Protein backbone atom coordinates (compact mmCIF):
# COMPACT_ATOMS: atom_id res chain seq x y z
CA UNK A 1 -77.36 -214.62 -122.01
CA UNK A 2 -79.75 -212.96 -119.58
CA UNK A 3 -81.95 -210.30 -121.28
CA UNK A 4 -80.84 -207.57 -118.90
CA UNK A 5 -77.15 -208.14 -119.59
CA UNK A 6 -77.85 -208.24 -123.31
CA UNK A 7 -79.42 -204.78 -123.05
CA UNK A 8 -76.41 -203.38 -121.19
CA UNK A 9 -73.99 -204.95 -123.66
CA UNK A 10 -75.74 -203.31 -126.63
CA UNK A 11 -76.07 -199.92 -124.92
CA UNK A 12 -72.46 -199.79 -123.75
CA UNK A 13 -71.37 -200.76 -127.24
CA UNK A 14 -73.30 -197.74 -128.55
CA UNK A 15 -71.66 -195.46 -126.00
CA UNK A 16 -68.10 -196.55 -126.58
CA UNK A 17 -68.49 -196.50 -130.38
CA UNK A 18 -68.02 -192.72 -130.13
CA UNK A 19 -64.38 -192.05 -129.15
CA UNK A 20 -65.15 -188.81 -127.29
CA UNK A 21 -68.29 -189.97 -125.40
CA UNK A 22 -67.99 -190.83 -121.69
CA UNK A 23 -70.29 -193.41 -120.10
CA UNK A 24 -72.14 -191.90 -117.13
CA UNK A 25 -72.80 -193.94 -113.99
CA UNK A 26 -76.40 -195.07 -113.50
CA UNK A 27 -76.98 -193.06 -110.29
CA UNK A 28 -78.90 -189.76 -109.95
CA UNK A 29 -75.74 -187.58 -109.77
CA UNK A 30 -77.05 -185.93 -106.58
CA UNK A 31 -73.65 -185.76 -104.80
CA UNK A 32 -73.65 -181.92 -104.64
CA UNK A 33 -77.08 -181.61 -102.97
CA UNK A 34 -76.43 -180.07 -99.55
CA UNK A 35 -78.57 -176.99 -98.83
CA UNK A 36 -81.79 -177.94 -100.69
CA UNK A 37 -83.41 -181.16 -101.98
CA UNK A 38 -80.85 -183.17 -99.98
CA UNK A 39 -83.51 -185.84 -99.30
CA UNK A 40 -82.55 -187.21 -102.75
CA UNK A 41 -79.06 -187.81 -101.28
CA UNK A 42 -80.43 -189.55 -98.16
CA UNK A 43 -84.19 -189.63 -97.37
CA UNK A 44 -83.63 -188.79 -93.68
CA UNK A 45 -82.21 -185.36 -94.67
CA UNK A 46 -85.78 -184.06 -95.11
CA UNK A 47 -85.89 -183.83 -91.29
CA UNK A 48 -83.41 -180.92 -91.17
CA UNK A 49 -83.11 -179.56 -94.74
CA UNK A 50 -85.67 -177.32 -96.57
CA UNK A 51 -87.08 -176.69 -93.08
CA UNK A 52 -89.86 -176.07 -92.25
CA UNK A 53 -91.94 -175.94 -95.49
CA UNK A 54 -90.69 -175.10 -98.98
CA UNK A 55 -90.66 -175.81 -102.71
CA UNK A 56 -87.16 -176.30 -104.17
CA UNK A 57 -85.84 -176.68 -107.75
CA UNK A 58 -82.57 -178.38 -108.72
CA UNK A 59 -81.27 -178.80 -112.25
CA UNK A 60 -77.91 -180.25 -113.36
CA UNK A 61 -76.48 -179.75 -116.86
CA UNK A 62 -73.77 -182.39 -117.36
CA UNK A 63 -70.66 -181.33 -119.36
CA UNK A 64 -72.64 -179.04 -121.62
CA UNK A 65 -74.85 -176.08 -122.34
CA UNK A 66 -78.46 -176.03 -121.17
CA UNK A 67 -79.92 -177.54 -124.40
CA UNK A 68 -77.26 -180.25 -124.84
CA UNK A 69 -76.28 -183.51 -123.16
CA UNK A 70 -77.46 -185.39 -120.03
CA UNK A 71 -79.49 -183.32 -117.56
CA UNK A 72 -81.18 -183.87 -114.19
CA UNK A 73 -84.23 -181.96 -112.93
CA UNK A 74 -85.81 -182.31 -109.49
CA UNK A 75 -88.69 -180.21 -108.14
CA UNK A 76 -89.64 -181.07 -104.57
CA UNK A 77 -92.15 -179.93 -101.93
CA UNK A 78 -91.28 -180.81 -98.33
CA UNK A 79 -92.58 -179.98 -94.87
CA UNK A 80 -92.33 -181.08 -91.24
CA UNK A 81 -95.33 -182.98 -89.81
CA UNK A 82 -94.07 -182.51 -86.25
CA UNK A 83 -90.74 -182.28 -84.44
CA UNK A 84 -89.79 -185.86 -85.36
CA UNK A 85 -91.26 -186.55 -88.82
CA UNK A 86 -91.38 -185.02 -92.29
CA UNK A 87 -92.82 -185.70 -95.74
CA UNK A 88 -92.09 -184.65 -99.31
CA UNK A 89 -93.28 -185.10 -102.88
CA UNK A 90 -91.58 -184.16 -106.12
CA UNK A 91 -91.07 -184.54 -109.86
CA UNK A 92 -87.80 -185.94 -111.19
CA UNK A 93 -86.25 -186.32 -114.64
CA UNK A 94 -82.82 -187.93 -115.05
CA UNK A 95 -81.15 -188.18 -118.46
CA UNK A 96 -78.11 -190.47 -118.42
CA UNK A 97 -77.34 -190.00 -122.10
CA UNK A 98 -78.77 -193.48 -122.77
CA UNK A 99 -81.96 -193.60 -120.73
CA UNK A 100 -84.46 -190.84 -119.99
CA UNK A 101 -86.16 -191.52 -116.64
CA UNK A 102 -89.22 -189.34 -115.86
CA UNK A 103 -91.47 -189.71 -112.83
CA UNK A 104 -92.14 -188.76 -109.22
CA UNK A 105 -90.66 -189.17 -105.74
CA UNK A 106 -92.45 -189.55 -102.39
CA UNK A 107 -90.46 -189.06 -99.18
CA UNK A 108 -91.08 -189.84 -95.50
CA UNK A 109 -88.68 -189.70 -92.54
CA UNK A 110 -89.04 -190.18 -88.78
CA UNK A 111 -86.59 -189.70 -85.91
CA UNK A 112 -86.45 -191.32 -82.48
CA UNK A 113 -84.86 -189.38 -79.59
CA UNK A 114 -82.91 -191.34 -76.96
CA UNK A 115 -81.85 -188.47 -74.69
CA UNK A 116 -78.39 -186.95 -74.22
CA UNK A 117 -78.83 -185.40 -77.70
CA UNK A 118 -78.80 -188.83 -79.40
CA UNK A 119 -81.15 -189.57 -82.28
CA UNK A 120 -81.83 -192.44 -84.70
CA UNK A 121 -83.68 -191.54 -87.91
CA UNK A 122 -85.21 -193.69 -90.67
CA UNK A 123 -86.39 -192.51 -94.09
CA UNK A 124 -87.69 -193.80 -97.41
CA UNK A 125 -87.79 -192.41 -100.95
CA UNK A 126 -90.35 -194.11 -103.22
CA UNK A 127 -89.55 -193.43 -106.89
CA UNK A 128 -91.86 -194.28 -109.78
CA UNK A 129 -90.65 -193.41 -113.27
CA UNK A 130 -90.95 -194.25 -116.94
CA UNK A 131 -87.63 -195.28 -118.53
CA UNK A 132 -86.95 -195.04 -122.27
CA UNK A 133 -83.91 -195.05 -124.55
CA UNK A 134 -82.87 -191.49 -125.41
CA UNK A 135 -79.49 -191.75 -127.18
CA UNK A 136 -80.19 -190.29 -130.65
CA UNK A 137 -76.85 -191.49 -132.03
CA UNK A 138 -78.07 -195.07 -131.97
CA UNK A 139 -80.67 -195.95 -134.59
CA UNK A 140 -81.36 -199.72 -134.75
CA UNK A 141 -81.91 -201.45 -138.08
CA UNK A 142 -85.69 -201.90 -138.48
CA UNK A 143 -85.07 -205.22 -140.26
CA UNK A 144 -83.39 -206.61 -137.13
CA UNK A 145 -85.74 -207.50 -134.29
CA UNK A 146 -84.15 -207.20 -130.81
CA UNK A 147 -86.71 -208.05 -128.14
CA UNK A 148 -84.18 -206.97 -125.46
CA UNK A 149 -84.37 -203.38 -126.68
CA UNK A 150 -88.14 -203.55 -126.81
CA UNK A 151 -88.15 -204.48 -123.12
CA UNK A 152 -85.78 -201.62 -122.35
CA UNK A 153 -88.04 -198.98 -123.90
CA UNK A 154 -91.01 -197.32 -122.13
CA UNK A 155 -90.60 -199.44 -119.01
CA UNK A 156 -92.31 -198.23 -115.81
CA UNK A 157 -90.13 -198.90 -112.76
CA UNK A 158 -90.93 -198.61 -109.05
CA UNK A 159 -87.87 -198.08 -106.86
CA UNK A 160 -87.50 -198.10 -103.04
CA UNK A 161 -84.59 -196.16 -101.50
CA UNK A 162 -84.42 -196.53 -97.69
CA UNK A 163 -82.01 -194.58 -95.50
CA UNK A 164 -80.88 -194.45 -91.88
CA UNK A 165 -78.85 -192.00 -89.78
CA UNK A 166 -77.53 -192.06 -86.22
CA UNK A 167 -76.47 -188.77 -84.66
CA UNK A 168 -75.10 -187.66 -81.30
CA UNK A 169 -74.47 -184.00 -80.54
CA UNK A 170 -73.16 -182.65 -83.90
CA UNK A 171 -71.74 -185.92 -85.29
CA UNK A 172 -73.77 -188.30 -87.49
CA UNK A 173 -73.30 -191.50 -89.52
CA UNK A 174 -75.70 -192.42 -92.33
CA UNK A 175 -76.38 -195.08 -94.95
CA UNK A 176 -78.77 -195.34 -97.91
CA UNK A 177 -79.40 -197.54 -100.95
CA UNK A 178 -80.82 -195.91 -104.09
CA UNK A 179 -82.37 -199.08 -105.50
CA UNK A 180 -82.41 -201.62 -102.68
CA UNK A 181 -85.80 -202.88 -103.94
CA UNK A 182 -87.22 -202.21 -107.41
CA UNK A 183 -89.77 -203.65 -109.81
CA UNK A 184 -90.15 -203.36 -113.60
CA UNK A 185 -93.84 -203.48 -114.52
CA UNK A 186 -92.99 -204.12 -118.18
CA UNK A 187 -90.88 -207.22 -117.54
CA UNK A 188 -92.84 -208.12 -114.37
CA UNK A 189 -89.65 -208.66 -112.46
CA UNK A 190 -86.82 -206.92 -110.65
CA UNK A 191 -85.36 -203.94 -112.51
CA UNK A 192 -81.83 -204.61 -111.22
CA UNK A 193 -79.72 -207.57 -110.22
CA UNK A 194 -78.02 -208.00 -106.84
CA UNK A 195 -74.70 -206.68 -108.22
CA UNK A 196 -76.42 -203.59 -109.70
CA UNK A 197 -77.41 -201.99 -106.37
CA UNK A 198 -76.20 -198.50 -105.50
CA UNK A 199 -75.08 -198.04 -101.87
CA UNK A 200 -73.93 -194.86 -100.17
CA UNK A 201 -72.42 -194.34 -96.70
CA UNK A 202 -71.56 -190.99 -95.12
CA UNK A 203 -70.26 -189.28 -91.99
CA UNK A 204 -70.58 -185.57 -91.15
CA UNK A 205 -70.16 -183.12 -88.28
CA UNK A 206 -72.14 -179.89 -87.74
CA UNK A 207 -70.04 -177.15 -86.14
CA UNK A 208 -71.90 -173.98 -84.99
CA UNK A 209 -70.19 -170.70 -85.86
CA UNK A 210 -70.40 -167.12 -84.61
CA UNK A 211 -70.11 -164.71 -87.55
CA UNK A 212 -70.47 -160.98 -88.12
CA UNK A 213 -73.50 -158.86 -87.13
CA UNK A 214 -76.77 -159.71 -88.88
CA UNK A 215 -75.69 -163.27 -89.75
CA UNK A 216 -77.35 -165.82 -87.46
CA UNK A 217 -77.72 -169.62 -87.26
CA UNK A 218 -74.37 -170.11 -89.00
CA UNK A 219 -72.70 -173.53 -89.07
CA UNK A 220 -70.02 -175.48 -90.98
CA UNK A 221 -70.96 -178.99 -92.17
CA UNK A 222 -68.17 -181.13 -93.66
CA UNK A 223 -69.25 -184.55 -94.99
CA UNK A 224 -67.31 -187.57 -96.29
CA UNK A 225 -69.13 -190.18 -98.38
CA UNK A 226 -68.39 -193.43 -100.26
CA UNK A 227 -70.69 -194.61 -103.07
CA UNK A 228 -70.71 -197.91 -104.95
CA UNK A 229 -71.90 -197.68 -108.59
CA UNK A 230 -72.60 -200.69 -110.88
CA UNK A 231 -70.14 -201.17 -113.75
CA UNK A 232 -67.97 -198.33 -112.44
CA UNK A 233 -65.37 -197.47 -109.84
CA UNK A 234 -66.46 -196.74 -106.29
CA UNK A 235 -66.89 -192.99 -105.82
CA UNK A 236 -65.30 -191.23 -102.86
CA UNK A 237 -66.34 -187.66 -102.13
CA UNK A 238 -66.05 -184.78 -99.69
CA UNK A 239 -68.51 -181.91 -99.31
CA UNK A 240 -68.23 -178.82 -97.10
CA UNK A 241 -71.20 -176.48 -96.52
CA UNK A 242 -71.06 -173.07 -94.79
CA UNK A 243 -74.66 -172.02 -94.18
CA UNK A 244 -76.37 -169.04 -92.48
CA UNK A 245 -79.65 -167.13 -92.57
CA UNK A 246 -78.24 -164.80 -95.29
CA UNK A 247 -76.15 -167.00 -97.62
CA UNK A 248 -74.46 -170.36 -98.12
CA UNK A 249 -71.15 -171.47 -99.66
CA UNK A 250 -70.20 -175.00 -100.62
CA UNK A 251 -67.31 -176.89 -102.15
CA UNK A 252 -66.80 -180.54 -102.93
CA UNK A 253 -64.74 -183.24 -104.56
CA UNK A 254 -65.91 -186.48 -106.23
CA UNK A 255 -63.39 -189.04 -107.43
CA UNK A 256 -65.29 -189.45 -110.74
CA UNK A 257 -66.92 -186.04 -111.42
CA UNK A 258 -64.14 -183.81 -110.07
CA UNK A 259 -64.02 -180.56 -108.11
CA UNK A 260 -67.07 -178.32 -107.49
CA UNK A 261 -67.86 -174.96 -105.91
CA UNK A 262 -71.09 -173.06 -105.41
CA UNK A 263 -72.81 -170.26 -103.55
CA UNK A 264 -76.30 -168.96 -102.89
CA UNK A 265 -78.22 -166.19 -101.16
CA UNK A 266 -81.53 -165.74 -99.38
CA UNK A 267 -83.75 -162.80 -100.31
CA UNK A 268 -86.96 -161.28 -98.87
CA UNK A 269 -87.00 -163.97 -96.11
CA UNK A 270 -88.58 -166.51 -98.51
CA UNK A 271 -86.56 -166.75 -101.76
CA UNK A 272 -83.26 -168.63 -102.11
CA UNK A 273 -81.15 -168.72 -105.30
CA UNK A 274 -77.84 -170.45 -105.92
CA UNK A 275 -75.53 -171.95 -108.55
CA UNK A 276 -72.67 -174.45 -108.71
CA UNK A 277 -69.98 -175.32 -111.26
CA UNK A 278 -68.04 -178.61 -111.46
CA UNK A 279 -64.80 -179.39 -113.32
CA UNK A 280 -63.57 -182.86 -114.19
CA UNK A 281 -60.08 -183.80 -112.95
CA UNK A 282 -59.88 -187.46 -113.96
CA UNK A 283 -58.14 -188.18 -117.27
CA UNK A 284 -61.34 -189.81 -118.59
CA UNK A 285 -63.42 -186.63 -118.30
CA UNK A 286 -60.83 -183.86 -118.10
CA UNK A 287 -61.57 -182.69 -121.65
CA UNK A 288 -65.33 -182.40 -121.03
CA UNK A 289 -67.01 -179.02 -120.60
CA UNK A 290 -67.84 -177.89 -117.03
CA UNK A 291 -71.04 -179.09 -115.37
CA UNK A 292 -73.54 -176.52 -114.05
CA UNK A 293 -76.17 -176.79 -111.33
CA UNK A 294 -78.91 -174.25 -110.54
CA UNK A 295 -80.82 -174.17 -107.23
CA UNK A 296 -83.96 -172.15 -106.42
CA UNK A 297 -86.28 -172.43 -103.43
CA UNK A 298 -89.27 -170.65 -101.91
CA UNK A 299 -90.12 -170.98 -98.23
CA UNK A 300 -93.89 -171.08 -97.78
CA UNK A 301 -93.97 -170.16 -94.09
CA UNK A 302 -92.76 -171.00 -90.60
CA UNK A 303 -95.25 -173.55 -89.17
CA UNK A 304 -94.45 -174.88 -85.72
CA UNK A 305 -94.71 -178.64 -85.79
CA UNK A 306 -94.86 -178.79 -81.99
CA UNK A 307 -98.59 -178.14 -81.56
CA UNK A 308 -100.75 -178.70 -78.51
CA UNK A 309 -101.27 -182.25 -77.31
CA UNK A 310 -104.57 -183.68 -78.61
CA UNK A 311 -107.31 -183.11 -76.05
CA UNK A 312 -105.23 -180.71 -73.99
CA UNK A 313 -105.80 -176.97 -73.92
CA UNK A 314 -103.53 -174.56 -72.07
CA UNK A 315 -105.50 -172.72 -69.42
CA UNK A 316 -105.19 -168.95 -69.36
CA UNK A 317 -104.36 -168.82 -65.65
CA UNK A 318 -101.45 -166.40 -65.75
CA UNK A 319 -103.45 -163.56 -67.42
CA UNK A 320 -106.21 -164.03 -64.79
CA UNK A 321 -103.68 -163.71 -61.96
CA UNK A 322 -102.16 -160.63 -63.55
CA UNK A 323 -105.61 -159.09 -63.98
CA UNK A 324 -106.33 -159.65 -60.27
CA UNK A 325 -102.99 -158.10 -59.37
CA UNK A 326 -103.85 -155.04 -61.48
CA UNK A 327 -107.24 -154.68 -59.80
CA UNK A 328 -105.62 -154.94 -56.33
CA UNK A 329 -103.00 -152.32 -57.26
CA UNK A 330 -105.66 -149.96 -58.65
CA UNK A 331 -107.78 -150.31 -55.49
CA UNK A 332 -104.69 -149.61 -53.36
CA UNK A 333 -104.05 -146.37 -55.22
CA UNK A 334 -107.67 -145.24 -54.85
CA UNK A 335 -107.68 -145.98 -51.10
CA UNK A 336 -104.36 -144.18 -50.60
CA UNK A 337 -105.58 -141.06 -52.42
CA UNK A 338 -108.84 -141.05 -50.41
CA UNK A 339 -106.91 -141.36 -47.13
CA UNK A 340 -104.54 -138.54 -48.05
CA UNK A 341 -107.46 -136.27 -48.92
CA UNK A 342 -109.11 -137.07 -45.58
CA UNK A 343 -105.91 -136.16 -43.72
CA UNK A 344 -105.66 -132.88 -45.63
CA UNK A 345 -109.26 -131.99 -44.76
CA UNK A 346 -108.61 -132.65 -41.06
CA UNK A 347 -105.47 -130.53 -41.12
CA UNK A 348 -107.24 -127.68 -42.91
CA UNK A 349 -110.04 -127.71 -40.32
CA UNK A 350 -107.52 -127.61 -37.47
CA UNK A 351 -105.60 -124.73 -39.06
CA UNK A 352 -108.80 -122.77 -39.69
CA UNK A 353 -109.94 -123.32 -36.12
CA UNK A 354 -106.58 -122.20 -34.74
CA UNK A 355 -106.55 -119.08 -36.91
CA UNK A 356 -110.11 -118.24 -35.90
CA UNK A 357 -109.30 -118.68 -32.24
CA UNK A 358 -106.11 -116.62 -32.58
CA UNK A 359 -108.02 -113.78 -34.25
CA UNK A 360 -110.65 -113.88 -31.56
CA UNK A 361 -108.00 -113.80 -28.83
CA UNK A 362 -106.22 -110.94 -30.52
CA UNK A 363 -109.39 -108.80 -30.57
CA UNK A 364 -110.04 -109.62 -26.98
CA UNK A 365 -106.50 -108.61 -26.04
CA UNK A 366 -107.10 -105.15 -27.54
CA UNK A 367 -110.13 -104.66 -25.35
CA UNK A 368 -108.20 -105.45 -22.19
CA UNK A 369 -105.00 -103.80 -23.21
CA UNK A 370 -105.18 -101.44 -20.34
CA UNK A 371 -105.32 -104.21 -17.85
CA UNK A 372 -101.85 -105.68 -17.93
CA UNK A 373 -102.60 -108.50 -15.59
CA UNK A 374 -105.60 -109.60 -17.57
CA UNK A 375 -103.78 -109.06 -20.81
CA UNK A 376 -100.85 -111.20 -19.70
CA UNK A 377 -103.20 -113.94 -18.52
CA UNK A 378 -105.12 -113.77 -21.73
CA UNK A 379 -101.95 -113.92 -23.85
CA UNK A 380 -100.78 -116.90 -21.84
CA UNK A 381 -104.12 -118.64 -22.37
CA UNK A 382 -104.06 -117.91 -26.08
CA UNK A 383 -100.51 -119.21 -26.34
CA UNK A 384 -101.53 -122.36 -24.52
CA UNK A 385 -104.51 -122.88 -26.84
CA UNK A 386 -102.36 -122.32 -29.92
CA UNK A 387 -99.80 -124.77 -28.60
CA UNK A 388 -102.57 -127.29 -27.88
CA UNK A 389 -104.04 -126.79 -31.35
CA UNK A 390 -100.63 -127.29 -32.93
CA UNK A 391 -100.04 -130.43 -30.85
CA UNK A 392 -103.48 -131.73 -31.79
CA UNK A 393 -102.80 -130.99 -35.46
CA UNK A 394 -99.45 -132.79 -35.38
CA UNK A 395 -100.95 -135.74 -33.52
CA UNK A 396 -103.84 -136.03 -35.98
CA UNK A 397 -101.44 -135.77 -38.92
CA UNK A 398 -99.13 -138.43 -37.51
CA UNK A 399 -102.06 -140.72 -36.68
CA UNK A 400 -103.54 -140.30 -40.16
CA UNK A 401 -100.21 -140.99 -41.85
CA UNK A 402 -99.57 -144.03 -39.66
CA UNK A 403 -103.04 -145.36 -40.39
CA UNK A 404 -102.61 -144.78 -44.12
CA UNK A 405 -99.22 -146.56 -44.07
CA UNK A 406 -100.70 -149.44 -42.08
CA UNK A 407 -103.58 -149.83 -44.55
CA UNK A 408 -101.20 -149.71 -47.50
CA UNK A 409 -98.91 -152.36 -45.99
CA UNK A 410 -101.86 -154.60 -45.13
CA UNK A 411 -103.22 -154.35 -48.67
CA UNK A 412 -99.79 -155.11 -50.07
CA UNK A 413 -99.50 -158.21 -47.88
CA UNK A 414 -103.03 -159.28 -48.87
CA UNK A 415 -102.13 -158.83 -52.53
CA UNK A 416 -98.94 -160.88 -52.16
CA UNK A 417 -100.83 -163.57 -50.30
CA UNK A 418 -103.49 -163.71 -53.05
CA UNK A 419 -100.82 -164.01 -55.73
CA UNK A 420 -98.98 -166.71 -53.76
CA UNK A 421 -102.21 -168.66 -53.26
CA UNK A 422 -103.02 -168.39 -56.97
CA UNK A 423 -99.49 -169.55 -57.87
CA UNK A 424 -99.67 -172.43 -55.39
CA UNK A 425 -103.00 -173.53 -56.88
CA UNK A 426 -101.60 -173.26 -60.40
CA UNK A 427 -98.54 -175.36 -59.44
CA UNK A 428 -100.74 -177.96 -57.70
CA UNK A 429 -103.06 -178.19 -60.73
CA UNK A 430 -99.97 -178.67 -62.92
CA UNK A 431 -98.63 -181.46 -60.67
CA UNK A 432 -102.08 -183.14 -60.68
CA UNK A 433 -102.06 -183.00 -64.50
CA UNK A 434 -98.57 -184.61 -64.65
CA UNK A 435 -99.65 -187.34 -62.20
CA UNK A 436 -102.80 -188.02 -64.24
CA UNK A 437 -100.77 -188.36 -67.44
CA UNK A 438 -98.32 -190.76 -65.81
CA UNK A 439 -101.15 -192.79 -64.29
CA UNK A 440 -102.84 -193.07 -67.70
CA UNK A 441 -99.56 -194.30 -69.23
CA UNK A 442 -99.22 -191.19 -71.37
CA UNK A 443 -95.99 -189.23 -71.86
CA UNK A 444 -95.58 -186.28 -69.53
CA UNK A 445 -95.26 -183.92 -72.49
CA UNK A 446 -94.74 -183.95 -76.21
CA UNK A 447 -91.18 -184.41 -77.48
CA UNK A 448 -88.07 -185.11 -75.43
CA UNK A 449 -88.45 -184.82 -71.60
CA UNK A 450 -86.21 -185.63 -68.63
CA UNK A 451 -86.55 -185.51 -64.83
CA UNK A 452 -84.03 -185.30 -61.99
CA UNK A 453 -84.84 -185.51 -58.27
CA UNK A 454 -82.69 -182.48 -57.46
CA UNK A 455 -79.64 -180.61 -58.75
CA UNK A 456 -77.38 -178.62 -56.46
CA UNK A 457 -77.84 -174.89 -56.89
CA UNK A 458 -80.98 -175.24 -59.09
CA UNK A 459 -84.53 -174.42 -58.02
CA UNK A 460 -87.36 -176.87 -58.55
CA UNK A 461 -89.22 -176.26 -61.78
CA UNK A 462 -89.24 -176.85 -65.51
CA UNK A 463 -86.24 -175.78 -67.62
CA UNK A 464 -86.54 -175.10 -71.37
CA UNK A 465 -83.38 -176.72 -72.76
CA UNK A 466 -81.80 -175.33 -75.95
CA UNK A 467 -78.82 -177.73 -76.18
CA UNK A 468 -76.42 -179.91 -74.16
CA UNK A 469 -72.62 -179.95 -74.39
CA UNK A 470 -69.80 -182.10 -73.19
CA UNK A 471 -67.20 -179.35 -73.56
CA UNK A 472 -67.19 -175.77 -72.31
CA UNK A 473 -65.95 -174.36 -75.62
CA UNK A 474 -69.03 -175.13 -77.70
CA UNK A 475 -71.28 -174.41 -74.73
CA UNK A 476 -69.85 -170.89 -74.36
CA UNK A 477 -70.16 -170.22 -78.12
CA UNK A 478 -73.82 -171.26 -78.01
CA UNK A 479 -74.56 -169.11 -74.92
CA UNK A 480 -72.80 -166.10 -76.53
CA UNK A 481 -74.90 -166.49 -79.71
CA UNK A 482 -78.08 -166.56 -77.63
CA UNK A 483 -77.06 -163.36 -75.81
CA UNK A 484 -76.68 -161.63 -79.18
CA UNK A 485 -80.33 -162.53 -79.81
CA UNK A 486 -81.40 -161.01 -76.51
CA UNK A 487 -81.74 -164.36 -74.68
CA UNK A 488 -80.12 -164.51 -71.22
CA UNK A 489 -79.37 -168.23 -71.33
CA UNK A 490 -77.85 -170.12 -68.39
CA UNK A 491 -76.65 -173.69 -67.85
CA UNK A 492 -76.29 -176.33 -65.16
CA UNK A 493 -74.12 -179.45 -64.89
CA UNK A 494 -75.71 -182.88 -64.42
CA UNK A 495 -73.35 -185.31 -62.69
CA UNK A 496 -75.27 -188.37 -63.88
CA UNK A 497 -74.76 -187.61 -67.61
CA UNK A 498 -71.57 -185.50 -67.40
CA UNK A 499 -73.21 -182.85 -69.65
CA UNK A 500 -73.82 -179.11 -69.39
CA UNK A 501 -77.52 -178.30 -70.05
CA UNK A 502 -78.03 -174.83 -71.57
CA UNK A 503 -81.52 -173.52 -70.78
CA UNK A 504 -83.36 -170.46 -72.08
CA UNK A 505 -85.51 -169.95 -68.94
CA UNK A 506 -86.93 -171.71 -65.88
CA UNK A 507 -90.71 -171.99 -65.33
CA UNK A 508 -92.80 -172.85 -62.26
CA UNK A 509 -95.19 -175.10 -64.22
CA UNK A 510 -95.05 -177.55 -67.10
CA UNK A 511 -97.79 -175.63 -68.88
CA UNK A 512 -95.70 -172.45 -68.97
CA UNK A 513 -92.68 -174.42 -70.26
CA UNK A 514 -94.83 -176.11 -72.95
CA UNK A 515 -96.20 -172.75 -74.07
CA UNK A 516 -92.65 -171.31 -74.38
CA UNK A 517 -91.53 -174.41 -76.28
CA UNK A 518 -94.50 -174.31 -78.68
CA UNK A 519 -94.28 -170.58 -79.45
CA UNK A 520 -90.50 -170.86 -80.01
CA UNK A 521 -89.76 -168.82 -76.88
CA UNK A 522 -91.99 -165.96 -78.08
CA UNK A 523 -90.36 -166.19 -81.53
CA UNK A 524 -86.85 -165.50 -80.20
CA UNK A 525 -85.45 -169.04 -80.70
CA UNK A 526 -86.61 -171.11 -83.69
CA UNK A 527 -84.48 -174.19 -83.13
CA UNK A 528 -85.61 -177.39 -81.37
CA UNK A 529 -86.08 -177.20 -77.58
CA UNK A 530 -87.18 -179.70 -74.90
CA UNK A 531 -88.13 -179.73 -71.21
CA UNK A 532 -86.07 -180.81 -68.18
CA UNK A 533 -87.76 -180.99 -64.75
CA UNK A 534 -85.99 -180.59 -61.40
CA UNK A 535 -88.41 -182.14 -58.88
CA UNK A 536 -87.06 -180.84 -55.55
CA UNK A 537 -84.49 -178.44 -54.14
């Protein structure tokens, strides 16, 4: 008999010698991991779980109190490297009731975007652990030498668990193998046979939800999975996760472990705490105590993986243009005030002159009062001079106001022309940069990017896309959620793809669009965005 099968025969004999003991499957019992540490379920989940950087704790107490039977502990640190890749590292301990496996896990995942909201992701978990017999009810006779058990104790095993996931819009299909490749350094051979591999396939759909005030980024994620386990029945399970920025709720069913339910909350923007309880329904485990799981996580920060392109710095052209506009406006105000003061001085001089002349004429009239003819002539002359002075005053005032208005309009036109020239230069520099990147064989920008020659009703420019939809229902829900956040999102229809593209804002240049994408739209929208260019109108 092969040594490996001899080991299993002896160990299963030990297990079934106790009438009330249930043999656990050899997997990691990670079927309830949804909100945190889900990369242990499928390595590609590190791309969109525990995002963007956090430390998470998961512990599972199987059918027992905390100091009793088989337990699982997993402490994991994960973070995004950029928009399409992530890494993680953690400590794991898995007690099956027969073996105690203690070691570490390294995780890496990368996604490839194909446009139209389609993505293909690959991931890998590398597990290295020491495996030893831990069942205290079995005490071998020291007079009997069993080399098979010696090989089974204190063995160091390296295990490779690859995973893949294809997603389009909110629907995804995934597959992973917990021990597709493994190596036992003690026996210098494979740690498992071909019929001892653990495979897991899953399908899920993420449905965005609009909830009550203060609860954002809510979604419902149902998932169906099928898992093959050596020496046991195939497990079929269903999980449902309701997650938001304030809390999460989950429920699940596993054909072997039974029914589960859990909840958790997020506190102080960084701390997350949750718990789950699981009851056995199958006749084999119905009499066992409930299983408990505890989840705790701490978010270290909110790093933006979409940094500047290497060797490319965003020029501060917009602030310079605004500064010039401010200087032009300030100079306009100063010139207007100076012109108004000049007009006032001219008017005051004219009024003073008229009053002086009127007083002089009045005195003169008194001296010639006796001479009616002279007096009448003098009064007529004075009236004529006053009328002329008034006409001159009104003409000077009108001329001054017209000149001031003309100067103001000219300065306004000069200011607009300067701004338009600066904008035209900025747009031309941006187009030269795009042409240079294409000529050098480089991507136009980091992340997903699309171009269209022209779209009816849309101006030329660069659109910061938040999401695309094939139906108006989900599109309208998404736009309504953005409005609640103060984002006036709009959308356009692309005949070529038959999709509605929801965009946060349109920009004249690629640099402005890249800046809005990289700073998460000034912190208003933290989800993934990409750039769509309309070339002409």
